[in-house]
Amino acid sequence: MAQIVHKYTLLILLSVLIMHSLFTIVYSKNFDEKMPCKRFSLYYHDILFNGTNLANATSATAVNRTQLGDHKHGMLVVFDDPMTKQNNLLTPPVARAQGFYFYDSKDEWNAWFAFTLIFNSTEHKGTLNIMGADLMGEETRDLSVVGGTGDFFMTRGIATLLTDGQPNAFYFRVNMDIKLYECY
C-alpha cells in the first residue's frame, strides 16, 4: 500500500511540475530592454508661486533654501502640474504630475523628484510613479518609472527628461520621453 501511495505522490508531483513549466512558457512576458512595450512623450509644465501669480501657479515652495551654496540647496517644492502632449501650456492636459522635488546639491543645479502622473482621459486611465535624480547640468536625464495602476499596472521603465524651455525663474517646461519595459 505504501508503494502505491509513493507512486501516486510522485506522479502528482511530476504532473504539477510539468503544468507549472507549461504555464510559465505560455504566459511569461518576453522582456526586451531595447523595445519598450509602451512609449509616449509628454510635456511637464511647472509654474512656481512667486507671491503674485496665485491664479496660475501649479507649485509652491514648502521649505525655503538653506544658506549652503548658490544652488537653492535644501529648497523643497510641492507641485500639481499639468502634463500635455504638446509644448504649449494652453493645450488640454492629458495627465497631472503630483509630487515634490528638492534641490540636493550645494555645488551644482541638481534636484531629486518623486511624483505620480495621474491619467484620466479617453486614451489612458491610471497612474505612473516616477522618481530619481534630475542632474540639471546634463542635456538629458533619466528617472525611474517604478510602478503604476490602471492601464499601467505594475509597470516599470524610464522617463527621459529634456528641458524644453525656461523663460524665467518661475516657469520651466520639460519634455518627458516615457519608455515602459514591463507592461501587464
Protein backbone atom coordinates (compact mmCIF):
# COMPACT_ATOMS: atom_id res chain seq x y z
CA MET A 1 0.00 0.00 0.00
CA ALA A 2 2.85 2.42 0.87
CA GLN A 3 4.45 1.83 -2.56
CA ILE A 4 1.20 2.79 -4.33
CA VAL A 5 0.92 5.98 -2.28
CA HIS A 6 4.55 6.87 -3.12
CA LYS A 7 3.94 6.20 -6.85
CA TYR A 8 0.80 8.37 -6.89
CA THR A 9 2.56 11.11 -4.93
CA LEU A 10 5.45 11.05 -7.40
CA LEU A 11 3.01 11.08 -10.34
CA ILE A 12 1.08 14.06 -8.89
CA LEU A 13 4.33 15.93 -8.18
CA LEU A 14 5.59 15.37 -11.73
CA SER A 15 2.21 16.48 -13.15
CA VAL A 16 2.31 19.69 -11.12
CA LEU A 17 5.89 20.43 -12.25
CA ILE A 18 5.00 19.83 -15.91
CA MET A 19 1.88 22.02 -15.66
CA HIS A 20 3.89 24.78 -13.96
CA SER A 21 6.54 24.63 -16.70
CA LEU A 22 3.91 24.81 -19.44
CA PHE A 23 2.12 27.68 -17.69
CA THR A 24 5.41 29.59 -17.36
CA ILE A 25 6.24 29.11 -21.05
CA VAL A 26 2.77 30.06 -22.30
CA TYR A 27 2.10 33.04 -20.02
CA SER A 28 5.57 34.53 -19.47
CA LYS A 29 6.23 38.02 -20.78
CA ASN A 30 9.19 38.41 -23.10
CA PHE A 31 11.42 41.18 -21.77
CA ASP A 32 13.39 43.08 -24.41
CA GLU A 33 15.33 46.00 -23.00
CA LYS A 34 15.69 47.52 -26.48
CA MET A 35 11.96 47.52 -27.30
CA PRO A 36 9.59 49.22 -24.87
CA CYS A 37 6.08 47.78 -24.67
CA LYS A 38 4.67 51.35 -24.44
CA ARG A 39 6.23 54.65 -25.37
CA PHE A 40 4.87 58.19 -25.36
CA SER A 41 6.05 61.74 -24.93
CA LEU A 42 4.54 64.38 -22.64
CA TYR A 43 5.38 67.92 -21.56
CA TYR A 44 5.62 68.81 -17.89
CA HIS A 45 4.80 72.47 -17.06
CA ASP A 46 5.84 73.87 -13.67
CA ILE A 47 4.75 77.37 -12.60
CA LEU A 48 6.28 78.23 -9.22
CA PHE A 49 4.27 80.53 -6.96
CA ASN A 50 6.11 83.88 -6.79
CA GLY A 51 3.78 85.79 -4.47
CA THR A 52 1.74 87.41 -7.26
CA ASN A 53 0.66 84.55 -9.56
CA LEU A 54 -1.84 82.76 -7.30
CA ALA A 55 -4.32 82.08 -10.13
CA ASN A 56 -1.73 80.41 -12.39
CA ALA A 57 0.76 78.79 -10.01
CA THR A 58 0.97 74.99 -10.01
CA SER A 59 3.77 74.60 -7.47
CA ALA A 60 4.94 76.23 -4.27
CA THR A 61 7.98 76.25 -2.05
CA ALA A 62 7.26 74.17 1.05
CA VAL A 63 10.71 74.61 2.62
CA ASN A 64 12.99 77.53 1.80
CA ARG A 65 16.57 77.10 0.66
CA THR A 66 19.44 76.90 3.09
CA GLN A 67 22.46 79.20 3.08
CA LEU A 68 24.72 76.40 1.75
CA GLY A 69 25.93 77.20 -1.75
CA ASP A 70 24.28 79.20 -4.52
CA HIS A 71 22.06 76.46 -5.97
CA LYS A 72 18.90 76.60 -3.79
CA HIS A 73 20.25 73.71 -1.65
CA GLY A 74 17.51 72.37 0.62
CA MET A 75 14.56 74.06 -1.12
CA LEU A 76 11.54 71.73 -1.31
CA VAL A 77 8.81 72.36 -3.90
CA VAL A 78 5.43 70.61 -3.91
CA PHE A 79 3.58 70.56 -7.24
CA ASP A 80 0.36 69.68 -9.06
CA ASP A 81 1.47 70.34 -12.64
CA PRO A 82 -0.33 69.80 -15.96
CA MET A 83 1.06 67.29 -18.46
CA THR A 84 0.31 68.00 -22.13
CA LYS A 85 1.02 66.27 -25.45
CA GLN A 86 2.38 69.50 -26.96
CA ASN A 87 4.81 72.00 -25.52
CA ASN A 88 2.13 74.70 -25.38
CA LEU A 89 0.90 75.23 -21.81
CA LEU A 90 -2.56 76.15 -23.11
CA THR A 91 -3.20 72.76 -24.76
CA PRO A 92 -5.55 70.46 -22.81
CA PRO A 93 -3.76 68.40 -20.15
CA VAL A 94 -3.76 64.61 -20.54
CA ALA A 95 -2.46 63.99 -17.00
CA ARG A 96 -1.42 65.73 -13.79
CA ALA A 97 2.00 65.37 -12.18
CA GLN A 98 1.64 65.47 -8.40
CA GLY A 99 4.59 65.22 -6.04
CA PHE A 100 7.68 67.11 -4.97
CA TYR A 101 11.25 67.93 -5.83
CA PHE A 102 14.05 69.29 -3.72
CA TYR A 103 17.43 70.78 -4.57
CA ASP A 104 20.00 68.44 -3.11
CA SER A 105 23.38 69.84 -4.14
CA LYS A 106 25.14 72.89 -2.82
CA ASP A 107 27.69 72.90 -5.67
CA GLU A 108 25.54 72.20 -8.77
CA TRP A 109 21.96 72.58 -10.04
CA ASN A 110 20.58 69.17 -9.09
CA ALA A 111 17.20 68.11 -7.79
CA TRP A 112 15.53 64.88 -6.71
CA PHE A 113 11.98 64.19 -7.94
CA ALA A 114 9.26 61.87 -6.65
CA PHE A 115 5.83 62.16 -8.27
CA THR A 116 2.83 60.39 -9.71
CA LEU A 117 1.40 61.01 -13.16
CA ILE A 118 -2.37 60.75 -12.84
CA PHE A 119 -4.15 59.93 -16.11
CA ASN A 120 -7.89 60.31 -16.54
CA SER A 121 -8.52 60.63 -20.27
CA THR A 122 -10.02 58.59 -23.06
CA GLU A 123 -6.53 57.39 -24.01
CA HIS A 124 -5.21 56.32 -20.58
CA LYS A 125 -6.55 55.77 -17.08
CA GLY A 126 -4.39 55.07 -14.06
CA THR A 127 -1.12 56.28 -12.58
CA LEU A 128 2.61 56.10 -13.17
CA ASN A 129 5.05 56.55 -10.28
CA ILE A 130 8.35 58.23 -11.18
CA MET A 131 11.37 59.10 -9.05
CA GLY A 132 15.04 59.87 -9.33
CA ALA A 133 17.82 62.42 -9.60
CA ASP A 134 17.50 65.30 -12.05
CA LEU A 135 21.09 66.23 -12.87
CA MET A 136 20.18 69.54 -14.49
CA GLY A 137 23.63 70.09 -15.98
CA GLU A 138 23.11 67.12 -18.30
CA GLU A 139 21.25 67.56 -21.59
CA THR A 140 19.04 64.54 -20.89
CA ARG A 141 18.33 62.87 -17.56
CA ASP A 142 16.71 59.51 -16.79
CA LEU A 143 14.28 58.99 -13.93
CA SER A 144 12.93 55.57 -12.97
CA VAL A 145 9.33 54.56 -13.58
CA VAL A 146 8.80 52.36 -10.52
CA GLY A 147 5.19 51.25 -10.81
CA GLY A 148 1.67 52.20 -11.65
CA THR A 149 -2.02 51.39 -11.59
CA GLY A 150 -4.85 51.04 -14.10
CA ASP A 151 -3.53 50.93 -17.68
CA PHE A 152 -0.02 51.00 -16.18
CA PHE A 153 -0.48 48.25 -13.58
CA MET A 154 2.91 47.33 -12.03
CA THR A 155 4.82 48.79 -14.97
CA ARG A 156 8.48 49.74 -14.92
CA GLY A 157 10.62 51.80 -17.24
CA ILE A 158 12.47 55.05 -17.80
CA ALA A 159 11.35 58.67 -18.16
CA THR A 160 13.98 60.64 -20.06
CA LEU A 161 13.83 64.37 -19.31
CA LEU A 162 14.91 67.15 -21.66
CA THR A 163 14.47 70.78 -20.60
CA ASP A 164 12.33 72.32 -23.34
CA GLY A 165 12.02 75.87 -22.04
CA GLN A 166 12.70 78.10 -19.07
CA PRO A 167 11.73 81.66 -19.95
CA ASN A 168 12.04 82.89 -16.33
CA ALA A 169 12.85 81.76 -12.79
CA PHE A 170 9.23 80.79 -12.06
CA TYR A 171 8.32 78.64 -15.10
CA PHE A 172 10.01 75.70 -16.74
CA ARG A 173 8.89 73.07 -19.23
CA VAL A 174 10.37 69.59 -19.58
CA ASN A 175 9.80 67.08 -22.35
CA MET A 176 9.38 63.58 -20.86
CA ASP A 177 10.00 60.63 -23.20
CA ILE A 178 8.44 57.74 -21.27
CA LYS A 179 9.52 54.21 -22.22
CA LEU A 180 7.84 51.34 -20.36
CA TYR A 181 9.55 47.94 -20.49
CA GLU A 182 7.31 45.87 -18.24
CA CYS A 183 3.64 46.13 -19.13
CA TYR A 184 0.92 43.85 -17.81
